[in-house]
Amino acid sequence: MKQVEVKILGQGYLLGCPEGGEERLHEAVQHLDAAMCKIRDAGKIKARDRIAVLAALNLAFELTDPKPVPGETTSAADQSRQGDFEPGMSIAEQATLNALLTRLDQALGDDGRLL
């Protein structure tokens, strides 16, 4: 197993990577770094651990989100309800995510440390 040094949100990490998987790892790191920078740059959250959890949730949600049907559009009413969440989230999904974020904030408290 090869070790690859990467930077995520300005922090260096040494990661294990199978031979031949370096390009995929770098793509994944770039995707994660972009997601975390977007959350950080929004200015609402400063703690790295919270940024990491939110980025992980967003990326996991993208993986489980059904692909839109060609020609299908989102109604204006649906678009107006979306708030700060990803496009296409239902009100129930937003409520679930809000509840999860509240529980995470309570569990993490003022720790402010990533791992």
N, C-alpha and C. Protein backbone atom coordinates (compact mmCIF):
# COMPACT_ATOMS: atom_id res chain seq x y z
N MET A 1 0.85 -1.17 0.00
CA MET A 1 0.00 0.00 0.00
C MET A 1 0.90 1.24 0.00
N LYS A 2 0.58 2.15 -0.85
CA LYS A 2 1.34 3.38 -1.00
C LYS A 2 0.78 4.45 -0.07
N GLN A 3 1.65 5.34 0.42
CA GLN A 3 1.19 6.46 1.23
C GLN A 3 1.25 7.73 0.38
N VAL A 4 0.16 8.52 0.46
CA VAL A 4 0.03 9.73 -0.34
C VAL A 4 -0.25 10.89 0.61
N GLU A 5 0.48 11.98 0.44
CA GLU A 5 0.24 13.17 1.25
C GLU A 5 -0.74 14.08 0.52
N VAL A 6 -1.78 14.52 1.24
CA VAL A 6 -2.80 15.39 0.66
C VAL A 6 -3.09 16.54 1.63
N LYS A 7 -3.76 17.56 1.12
CA LYS A 7 -4.22 18.67 1.97
C LYS A 7 -5.72 18.79 1.84
N ILE A 8 -6.38 18.87 2.99
CA ILE A 8 -7.82 19.07 3.04
C ILE A 8 -8.07 20.24 3.98
N LEU A 9 -8.67 21.27 3.46
CA LEU A 9 -8.97 22.49 4.22
C LEU A 9 -7.69 23.06 4.84
N GLY A 10 -6.59 22.97 4.06
CA GLY A 10 -5.31 23.52 4.49
C GLY A 10 -4.53 22.65 5.46
N GLN A 11 -5.07 21.52 5.84
CA GLN A 11 -4.43 20.61 6.80
C GLN A 11 -3.83 19.43 6.04
N GLY A 12 -2.59 19.08 6.31
CA GLY A 12 -1.94 17.97 5.64
C GLY A 12 -2.31 16.63 6.27
N TYR A 13 -2.46 15.61 5.43
CA TYR A 13 -2.78 14.26 5.88
C TYR A 13 -1.95 13.28 5.07
N LEU A 14 -1.50 12.22 5.71
CA LEU A 14 -0.80 11.13 5.04
C LEU A 14 -1.78 9.96 5.00
N LEU A 15 -2.19 9.59 3.78
CA LEU A 15 -3.23 8.57 3.62
C LEU A 15 -2.68 7.34 2.93
N GLY A 16 -3.17 6.19 3.34
CA GLY A 16 -2.84 4.95 2.66
C GLY A 16 -3.66 4.83 1.39
N CYS A 17 -3.05 4.30 0.34
CA CYS A 17 -3.73 4.21 -0.95
C CYS A 17 -3.24 2.96 -1.67
N PRO A 18 -4.16 2.16 -2.22
CA PRO A 18 -3.71 0.99 -2.98
C PRO A 18 -2.97 1.42 -4.24
N GLU A 19 -2.03 0.59 -4.68
CA GLU A 19 -1.27 0.89 -5.90
C GLU A 19 -2.24 1.12 -7.05
N GLY A 20 -2.00 2.17 -7.79
CA GLY A 20 -2.85 2.49 -8.94
C GLY A 20 -4.08 3.31 -8.59
N GLY A 21 -4.31 3.57 -7.31
CA GLY A 21 -5.50 4.31 -6.90
C GLY A 21 -5.24 5.76 -6.58
N GLU A 22 -4.03 6.22 -6.88
CA GLU A 22 -3.64 7.59 -6.51
C GLU A 22 -4.53 8.64 -7.17
N GLU A 23 -4.82 8.47 -8.45
CA GLU A 23 -5.64 9.46 -9.16
C GLU A 23 -7.04 9.55 -8.56
N ARG A 24 -7.64 8.40 -8.28
CA ARG A 24 -8.98 8.40 -7.66
C ARG A 24 -8.94 9.03 -6.28
N LEU A 25 -7.89 8.75 -5.52
CA LEU A 25 -7.77 9.35 -4.19
C LEU A 25 -7.67 10.87 -4.30
N HIS A 26 -6.83 11.35 -5.22
CA HIS A 26 -6.69 12.80 -5.39
C HIS A 26 -8.01 13.44 -5.83
N GLU A 27 -8.76 12.77 -6.70
CA GLU A 27 -10.07 13.29 -7.10
C GLU A 27 -11.02 13.35 -5.91
N ALA A 28 -11.01 12.31 -5.08
CA ALA A 28 -11.87 12.29 -3.90
C ALA A 28 -11.47 13.40 -2.93
N VAL A 29 -10.16 13.59 -2.74
CA VAL A 29 -9.67 14.65 -1.85
C VAL A 29 -10.09 16.02 -2.38
N GLN A 30 -9.97 16.23 -3.69
CA GLN A 30 -10.37 17.51 -4.27
C GLN A 30 -11.87 17.75 -4.08
N HIS A 31 -12.67 16.71 -4.25
CA HIS A 31 -14.12 16.82 -4.07
C HIS A 31 -14.46 17.15 -2.62
N LEU A 32 -13.83 16.45 -1.69
CA LEU A 32 -14.06 16.70 -0.26
C LEU A 32 -13.58 18.09 0.13
N ASP A 33 -12.39 18.48 -0.32
CA ASP A 33 -11.85 19.79 0.01
C ASP A 33 -12.77 20.89 -0.51
N ALA A 34 -13.27 20.75 -1.73
CA ALA A 34 -14.18 21.75 -2.29
C ALA A 34 -15.46 21.84 -1.45
N ALA A 35 -16.00 20.69 -1.04
CA ALA A 35 -17.22 20.68 -0.24
C ALA A 35 -16.99 21.35 1.12
N MET A 36 -15.85 21.06 1.74
CA MET A 36 -15.55 21.64 3.05
C MET A 36 -15.27 23.14 2.93
N CYS A 37 -14.57 23.56 1.88
CA CYS A 37 -14.30 24.99 1.68
C CYS A 37 -15.59 25.76 1.45
N LYS A 38 -16.51 25.17 0.72
CA LYS A 38 -17.80 25.82 0.46
C LYS A 38 -18.55 26.07 1.77
N ILE A 39 -18.54 25.08 2.66
CA ILE A 39 -19.21 25.23 3.96
C ILE A 39 -18.49 26.27 4.80
N ARG A 40 -17.17 26.19 4.86
CA ARG A 40 -16.38 27.15 5.64
C ARG A 40 -16.58 28.57 5.11
N ASP A 41 -16.54 28.73 3.80
CA ASP A 41 -16.65 30.06 3.20
C ASP A 41 -18.04 30.67 3.34
N ALA A 42 -19.05 29.84 3.60
CA ALA A 42 -20.39 30.36 3.85
C ALA A 42 -20.41 31.16 5.15
N GLY A 43 -19.41 30.91 6.02
CA GLY A 43 -19.22 31.71 7.22
C GLY A 43 -20.06 31.35 8.42
N LYS A 44 -20.94 30.36 8.29
CA LYS A 44 -21.82 30.01 9.41
C LYS A 44 -21.15 29.07 10.41
N ILE A 45 -20.20 28.27 9.93
CA ILE A 45 -19.58 27.24 10.77
C ILE A 45 -18.07 27.39 10.67
N LYS A 46 -17.41 27.37 11.81
CA LYS A 46 -15.95 27.55 11.85
C LYS A 46 -15.20 26.29 12.27
N ALA A 47 -15.79 25.45 13.09
CA ALA A 47 -15.10 24.27 13.63
C ALA A 47 -14.91 23.22 12.54
N ARG A 48 -13.66 22.75 12.42
CA ARG A 48 -13.33 21.76 11.39
C ARG A 48 -14.18 20.50 11.50
N ASP A 49 -14.43 20.04 12.72
CA ASP A 49 -15.19 18.80 12.87
C ASP A 49 -16.60 18.95 12.35
N ARG A 50 -17.22 20.06 12.61
CA ARG A 50 -18.58 20.30 12.12
C ARG A 50 -18.58 20.44 10.60
N ILE A 51 -17.58 21.14 10.07
CA ILE A 51 -17.47 21.28 8.62
C ILE A 51 -17.30 19.90 7.97
N ALA A 52 -16.46 19.06 8.57
CA ALA A 52 -16.23 17.71 8.03
C ALA A 52 -17.50 16.88 8.05
N VAL A 53 -18.24 16.94 9.16
CA VAL A 53 -19.48 16.16 9.26
C VAL A 53 -20.50 16.65 8.24
N LEU A 54 -20.66 17.96 8.11
CA LEU A 54 -21.62 18.48 7.14
C LEU A 54 -21.22 18.13 5.71
N ALA A 55 -19.94 18.22 5.40
CA ALA A 55 -19.48 17.85 4.07
C ALA A 55 -19.74 16.37 3.81
N ALA A 56 -19.47 15.53 4.81
CA ALA A 56 -19.72 14.09 4.66
C ALA A 56 -21.20 13.82 4.45
N LEU A 57 -22.05 14.51 5.19
CA LEU A 57 -23.50 14.34 5.01
C LEU A 57 -23.93 14.77 3.62
N ASN A 58 -23.43 15.91 3.16
CA ASN A 58 -23.78 16.39 1.83
C ASN A 58 -23.33 15.41 0.75
N LEU A 59 -22.11 14.89 0.87
CA LEU A 59 -21.60 13.95 -0.12
C LEU A 59 -22.37 12.63 -0.08
N ALA A 60 -22.69 12.16 1.12
CA ALA A 60 -23.48 10.93 1.24
C ALA A 60 -24.87 11.13 0.66
N PHE A 61 -25.44 12.31 0.90
CA PHE A 61 -26.76 12.60 0.35
C PHE A 61 -26.71 12.60 -1.18
N GLU A 62 -25.65 13.17 -1.74
CA GLU A 62 -25.50 13.17 -3.20
C GLU A 62 -25.46 11.74 -3.73
N LEU A 63 -24.80 10.84 -3.01
CA LEU A 63 -24.70 9.46 -3.46
C LEU A 63 -26.04 8.73 -3.42
N THR A 64 -26.90 9.10 -2.49
CA THR A 64 -28.19 8.42 -2.35
C THR A 64 -29.31 9.14 -3.07
N ASP A 65 -29.04 10.33 -3.60
CA ASP A 65 -30.06 11.12 -4.28
C ASP A 65 -30.37 10.49 -5.63
N PRO A 66 -31.66 10.20 -5.89
CA PRO A 66 -31.99 9.64 -7.20
C PRO A 66 -31.72 10.68 -8.29
N LYS A 67 -31.26 10.19 -9.42
CA LYS A 67 -30.95 11.09 -10.54
C LYS A 67 -32.27 11.63 -11.11
N PRO A 68 -32.29 12.95 -11.49
CA PRO A 68 -33.51 13.51 -12.05
C PRO A 68 -33.86 12.86 -13.39
N VAL A 69 -35.15 12.74 -13.62
CA VAL A 69 -35.64 12.20 -14.87
C VAL A 69 -35.51 13.28 -15.94
N PRO A 70 -34.94 12.96 -17.12
CA PRO A 70 -34.80 13.98 -18.17
C PRO A 70 -36.16 14.60 -18.49
N GLY A 71 -36.18 15.93 -18.58
CA GLY A 71 -37.40 16.65 -18.89
C GLY A 71 -38.24 17.00 -17.68
N GLU A 72 -37.90 16.43 -16.50
CA GLU A 72 -38.65 16.72 -15.28
C GLU A 72 -38.09 17.97 -14.63
N THR A 73 -38.95 18.88 -14.20
CA THR A 73 -38.50 20.13 -13.59
C THR A 73 -39.02 20.22 -12.17
N THR A 74 -38.34 21.05 -11.37
CA THR A 74 -38.76 21.29 -10.00
C THR A 74 -39.72 22.47 -10.00
N SER A 75 -40.82 22.35 -9.27
CA SER A 75 -41.80 23.43 -9.24
C SER A 75 -41.26 24.63 -8.47
N ALA A 76 -41.81 25.80 -8.72
CA ALA A 76 -41.40 27.02 -8.01
C ALA A 76 -41.66 26.88 -6.52
N ALA A 77 -42.74 26.22 -6.14
CA ALA A 77 -43.06 26.03 -4.72
C ALA A 77 -42.00 25.18 -4.05
N ASP A 78 -41.55 24.13 -4.74
CA ASP A 78 -40.50 23.28 -4.18
C ASP A 78 -39.20 24.06 -4.05
N GLN A 79 -38.87 24.89 -5.04
CA GLN A 79 -37.64 25.66 -5.00
C GLN A 79 -37.65 26.68 -3.88
N SER A 80 -38.78 27.26 -3.57
CA SER A 80 -38.84 28.29 -2.53
C SER A 80 -38.70 27.72 -1.13
N ARG A 81 -38.94 26.42 -0.95
CA ARG A 81 -38.86 25.80 0.38
C ARG A 81 -37.47 25.31 0.72
N GLN A 82 -36.53 25.37 -0.20
CA GLN A 82 -35.26 24.67 -0.02
C GLN A 82 -34.30 25.31 0.95
N GLY A 83 -34.39 26.58 1.20
CA GLY A 83 -33.52 27.23 2.18
C GLY A 83 -32.05 27.01 1.88
N ASP A 84 -31.27 26.60 2.89
CA ASP A 84 -29.82 26.43 2.74
C ASP A 84 -29.42 25.03 2.30
N PHE A 85 -30.39 24.16 2.02
CA PHE A 85 -30.08 22.78 1.70
C PHE A 85 -29.92 22.57 0.21
N GLU A 86 -29.58 21.36 -0.15
CA GLU A 86 -29.36 21.00 -1.54
C GLU A 86 -30.67 21.06 -2.32
N PRO A 87 -30.57 21.38 -3.62
CA PRO A 87 -31.77 21.41 -4.46
C PRO A 87 -32.45 20.05 -4.47
N GLY A 88 -33.76 20.06 -4.45
CA GLY A 88 -34.53 18.83 -4.53
C GLY A 88 -34.86 18.19 -3.20
N MET A 89 -34.40 18.75 -2.08
CA MET A 89 -34.70 18.17 -0.77
C MET A 89 -36.15 18.47 -0.40
N SER A 90 -36.85 17.46 0.06
CA SER A 90 -38.22 17.66 0.51
C SER A 90 -38.21 18.31 1.89
N ILE A 91 -39.37 18.80 2.31
CA ILE A 91 -39.49 19.41 3.64
C ILE A 91 -39.16 18.38 4.72
N ALA A 92 -39.59 17.15 4.53
CA ALA A 92 -39.29 16.09 5.51
C ALA A 92 -37.79 15.84 5.60
N GLU A 93 -37.12 15.82 4.45
CA GLU A 93 -35.66 15.62 4.45
C GLU A 93 -34.95 16.78 5.13
N GLN A 94 -35.43 18.01 4.89
CA GLN A 94 -34.84 19.18 5.53
C GLN A 94 -35.02 19.11 7.04
N ALA A 95 -36.20 18.70 7.49
CA ALA A 95 -36.47 18.59 8.93
C ALA A 95 -35.58 17.52 9.56
N THR A 96 -35.43 16.40 8.87
CA THR A 96 -34.56 15.33 9.36
C THR A 96 -33.12 15.80 9.46
N LEU A 97 -32.65 16.49 8.43
CA LEU A 97 -31.28 16.99 8.44
C LEU A 97 -31.09 18.04 9.53
N ASN A 98 -32.06 18.93 9.71
CA ASN A 98 -31.99 19.92 10.79
C ASN A 98 -31.90 19.25 12.16
N ALA A 99 -32.71 18.21 12.37
CA ALA A 99 -32.68 17.49 13.65
C ALA A 99 -31.32 16.83 13.86
N LEU A 100 -30.78 16.24 12.80
CA LEU A 100 -29.47 15.59 12.89
C LEU A 100 -28.37 16.61 13.19
N LEU A 101 -28.42 17.76 12.52
CA LEU A 101 -27.42 18.80 12.76
C LEU A 101 -27.51 19.32 14.20
N THR A 102 -28.70 19.47 14.72
CA THR A 102 -28.88 19.91 16.10
C THR A 102 -28.27 18.90 17.06
N ARG A 103 -28.54 17.61 16.81
CA ARG A 103 -27.97 16.56 17.67
C ARG A 103 -26.44 16.54 17.59
N LEU A 104 -25.90 16.73 16.39
CA LEU A 104 -24.45 16.79 16.23
C LEU A 104 -23.86 17.97 16.99
N ASP A 105 -24.48 19.13 16.88
CA ASP A 105 -24.00 20.31 17.61
C ASP A 105 -24.00 20.06 19.11
N GLN A 106 -25.06 19.43 19.62
CA GLN A 106 -25.14 19.15 21.04
C GLN A 106 -24.06 18.15 21.46
N ALA A 107 -23.85 17.12 20.64
CA ALA A 107 -22.88 16.09 20.97
C ALA A 107 -21.44 16.63 20.90
N LEU A 108 -21.16 17.47 19.92
CA LEU A 108 -19.82 17.97 19.75
C LEU A 108 -19.48 19.12 20.70
N GLY A 109 -20.50 19.84 21.13
CA GLY A 109 -20.28 20.94 22.06
C GLY A 109 -19.28 21.95 21.52
N ASP A 110 -18.39 22.42 22.35
CA ASP A 110 -17.40 23.42 21.96
C ASP A 110 -16.04 22.80 21.70
N ASP A 111 -16.00 21.54 21.37
CA ASP A 111 -14.74 20.83 21.18
C ASP A 111 -13.87 21.51 20.13
N GLY A 112 -14.40 21.73 18.93
CA GLY A 112 -13.68 22.43 17.88
C GLY A 112 -12.50 21.68 17.28
N ARG A 113 -12.29 20.42 17.63
CA ARG A 113 -11.17 19.65 17.10
C ARG A 113 -11.66 18.66 16.05
N LEU A 114 -10.86 18.48 15.02
CA LEU A 114 -11.15 17.45 14.03
C LEU A 114 -10.39 16.20 14.44
N LEU A 115 -11.13 15.17 14.82
CA LEU A 115 -10.56 13.90 15.29
C LEU A 115 -9.71 14.14 16.44
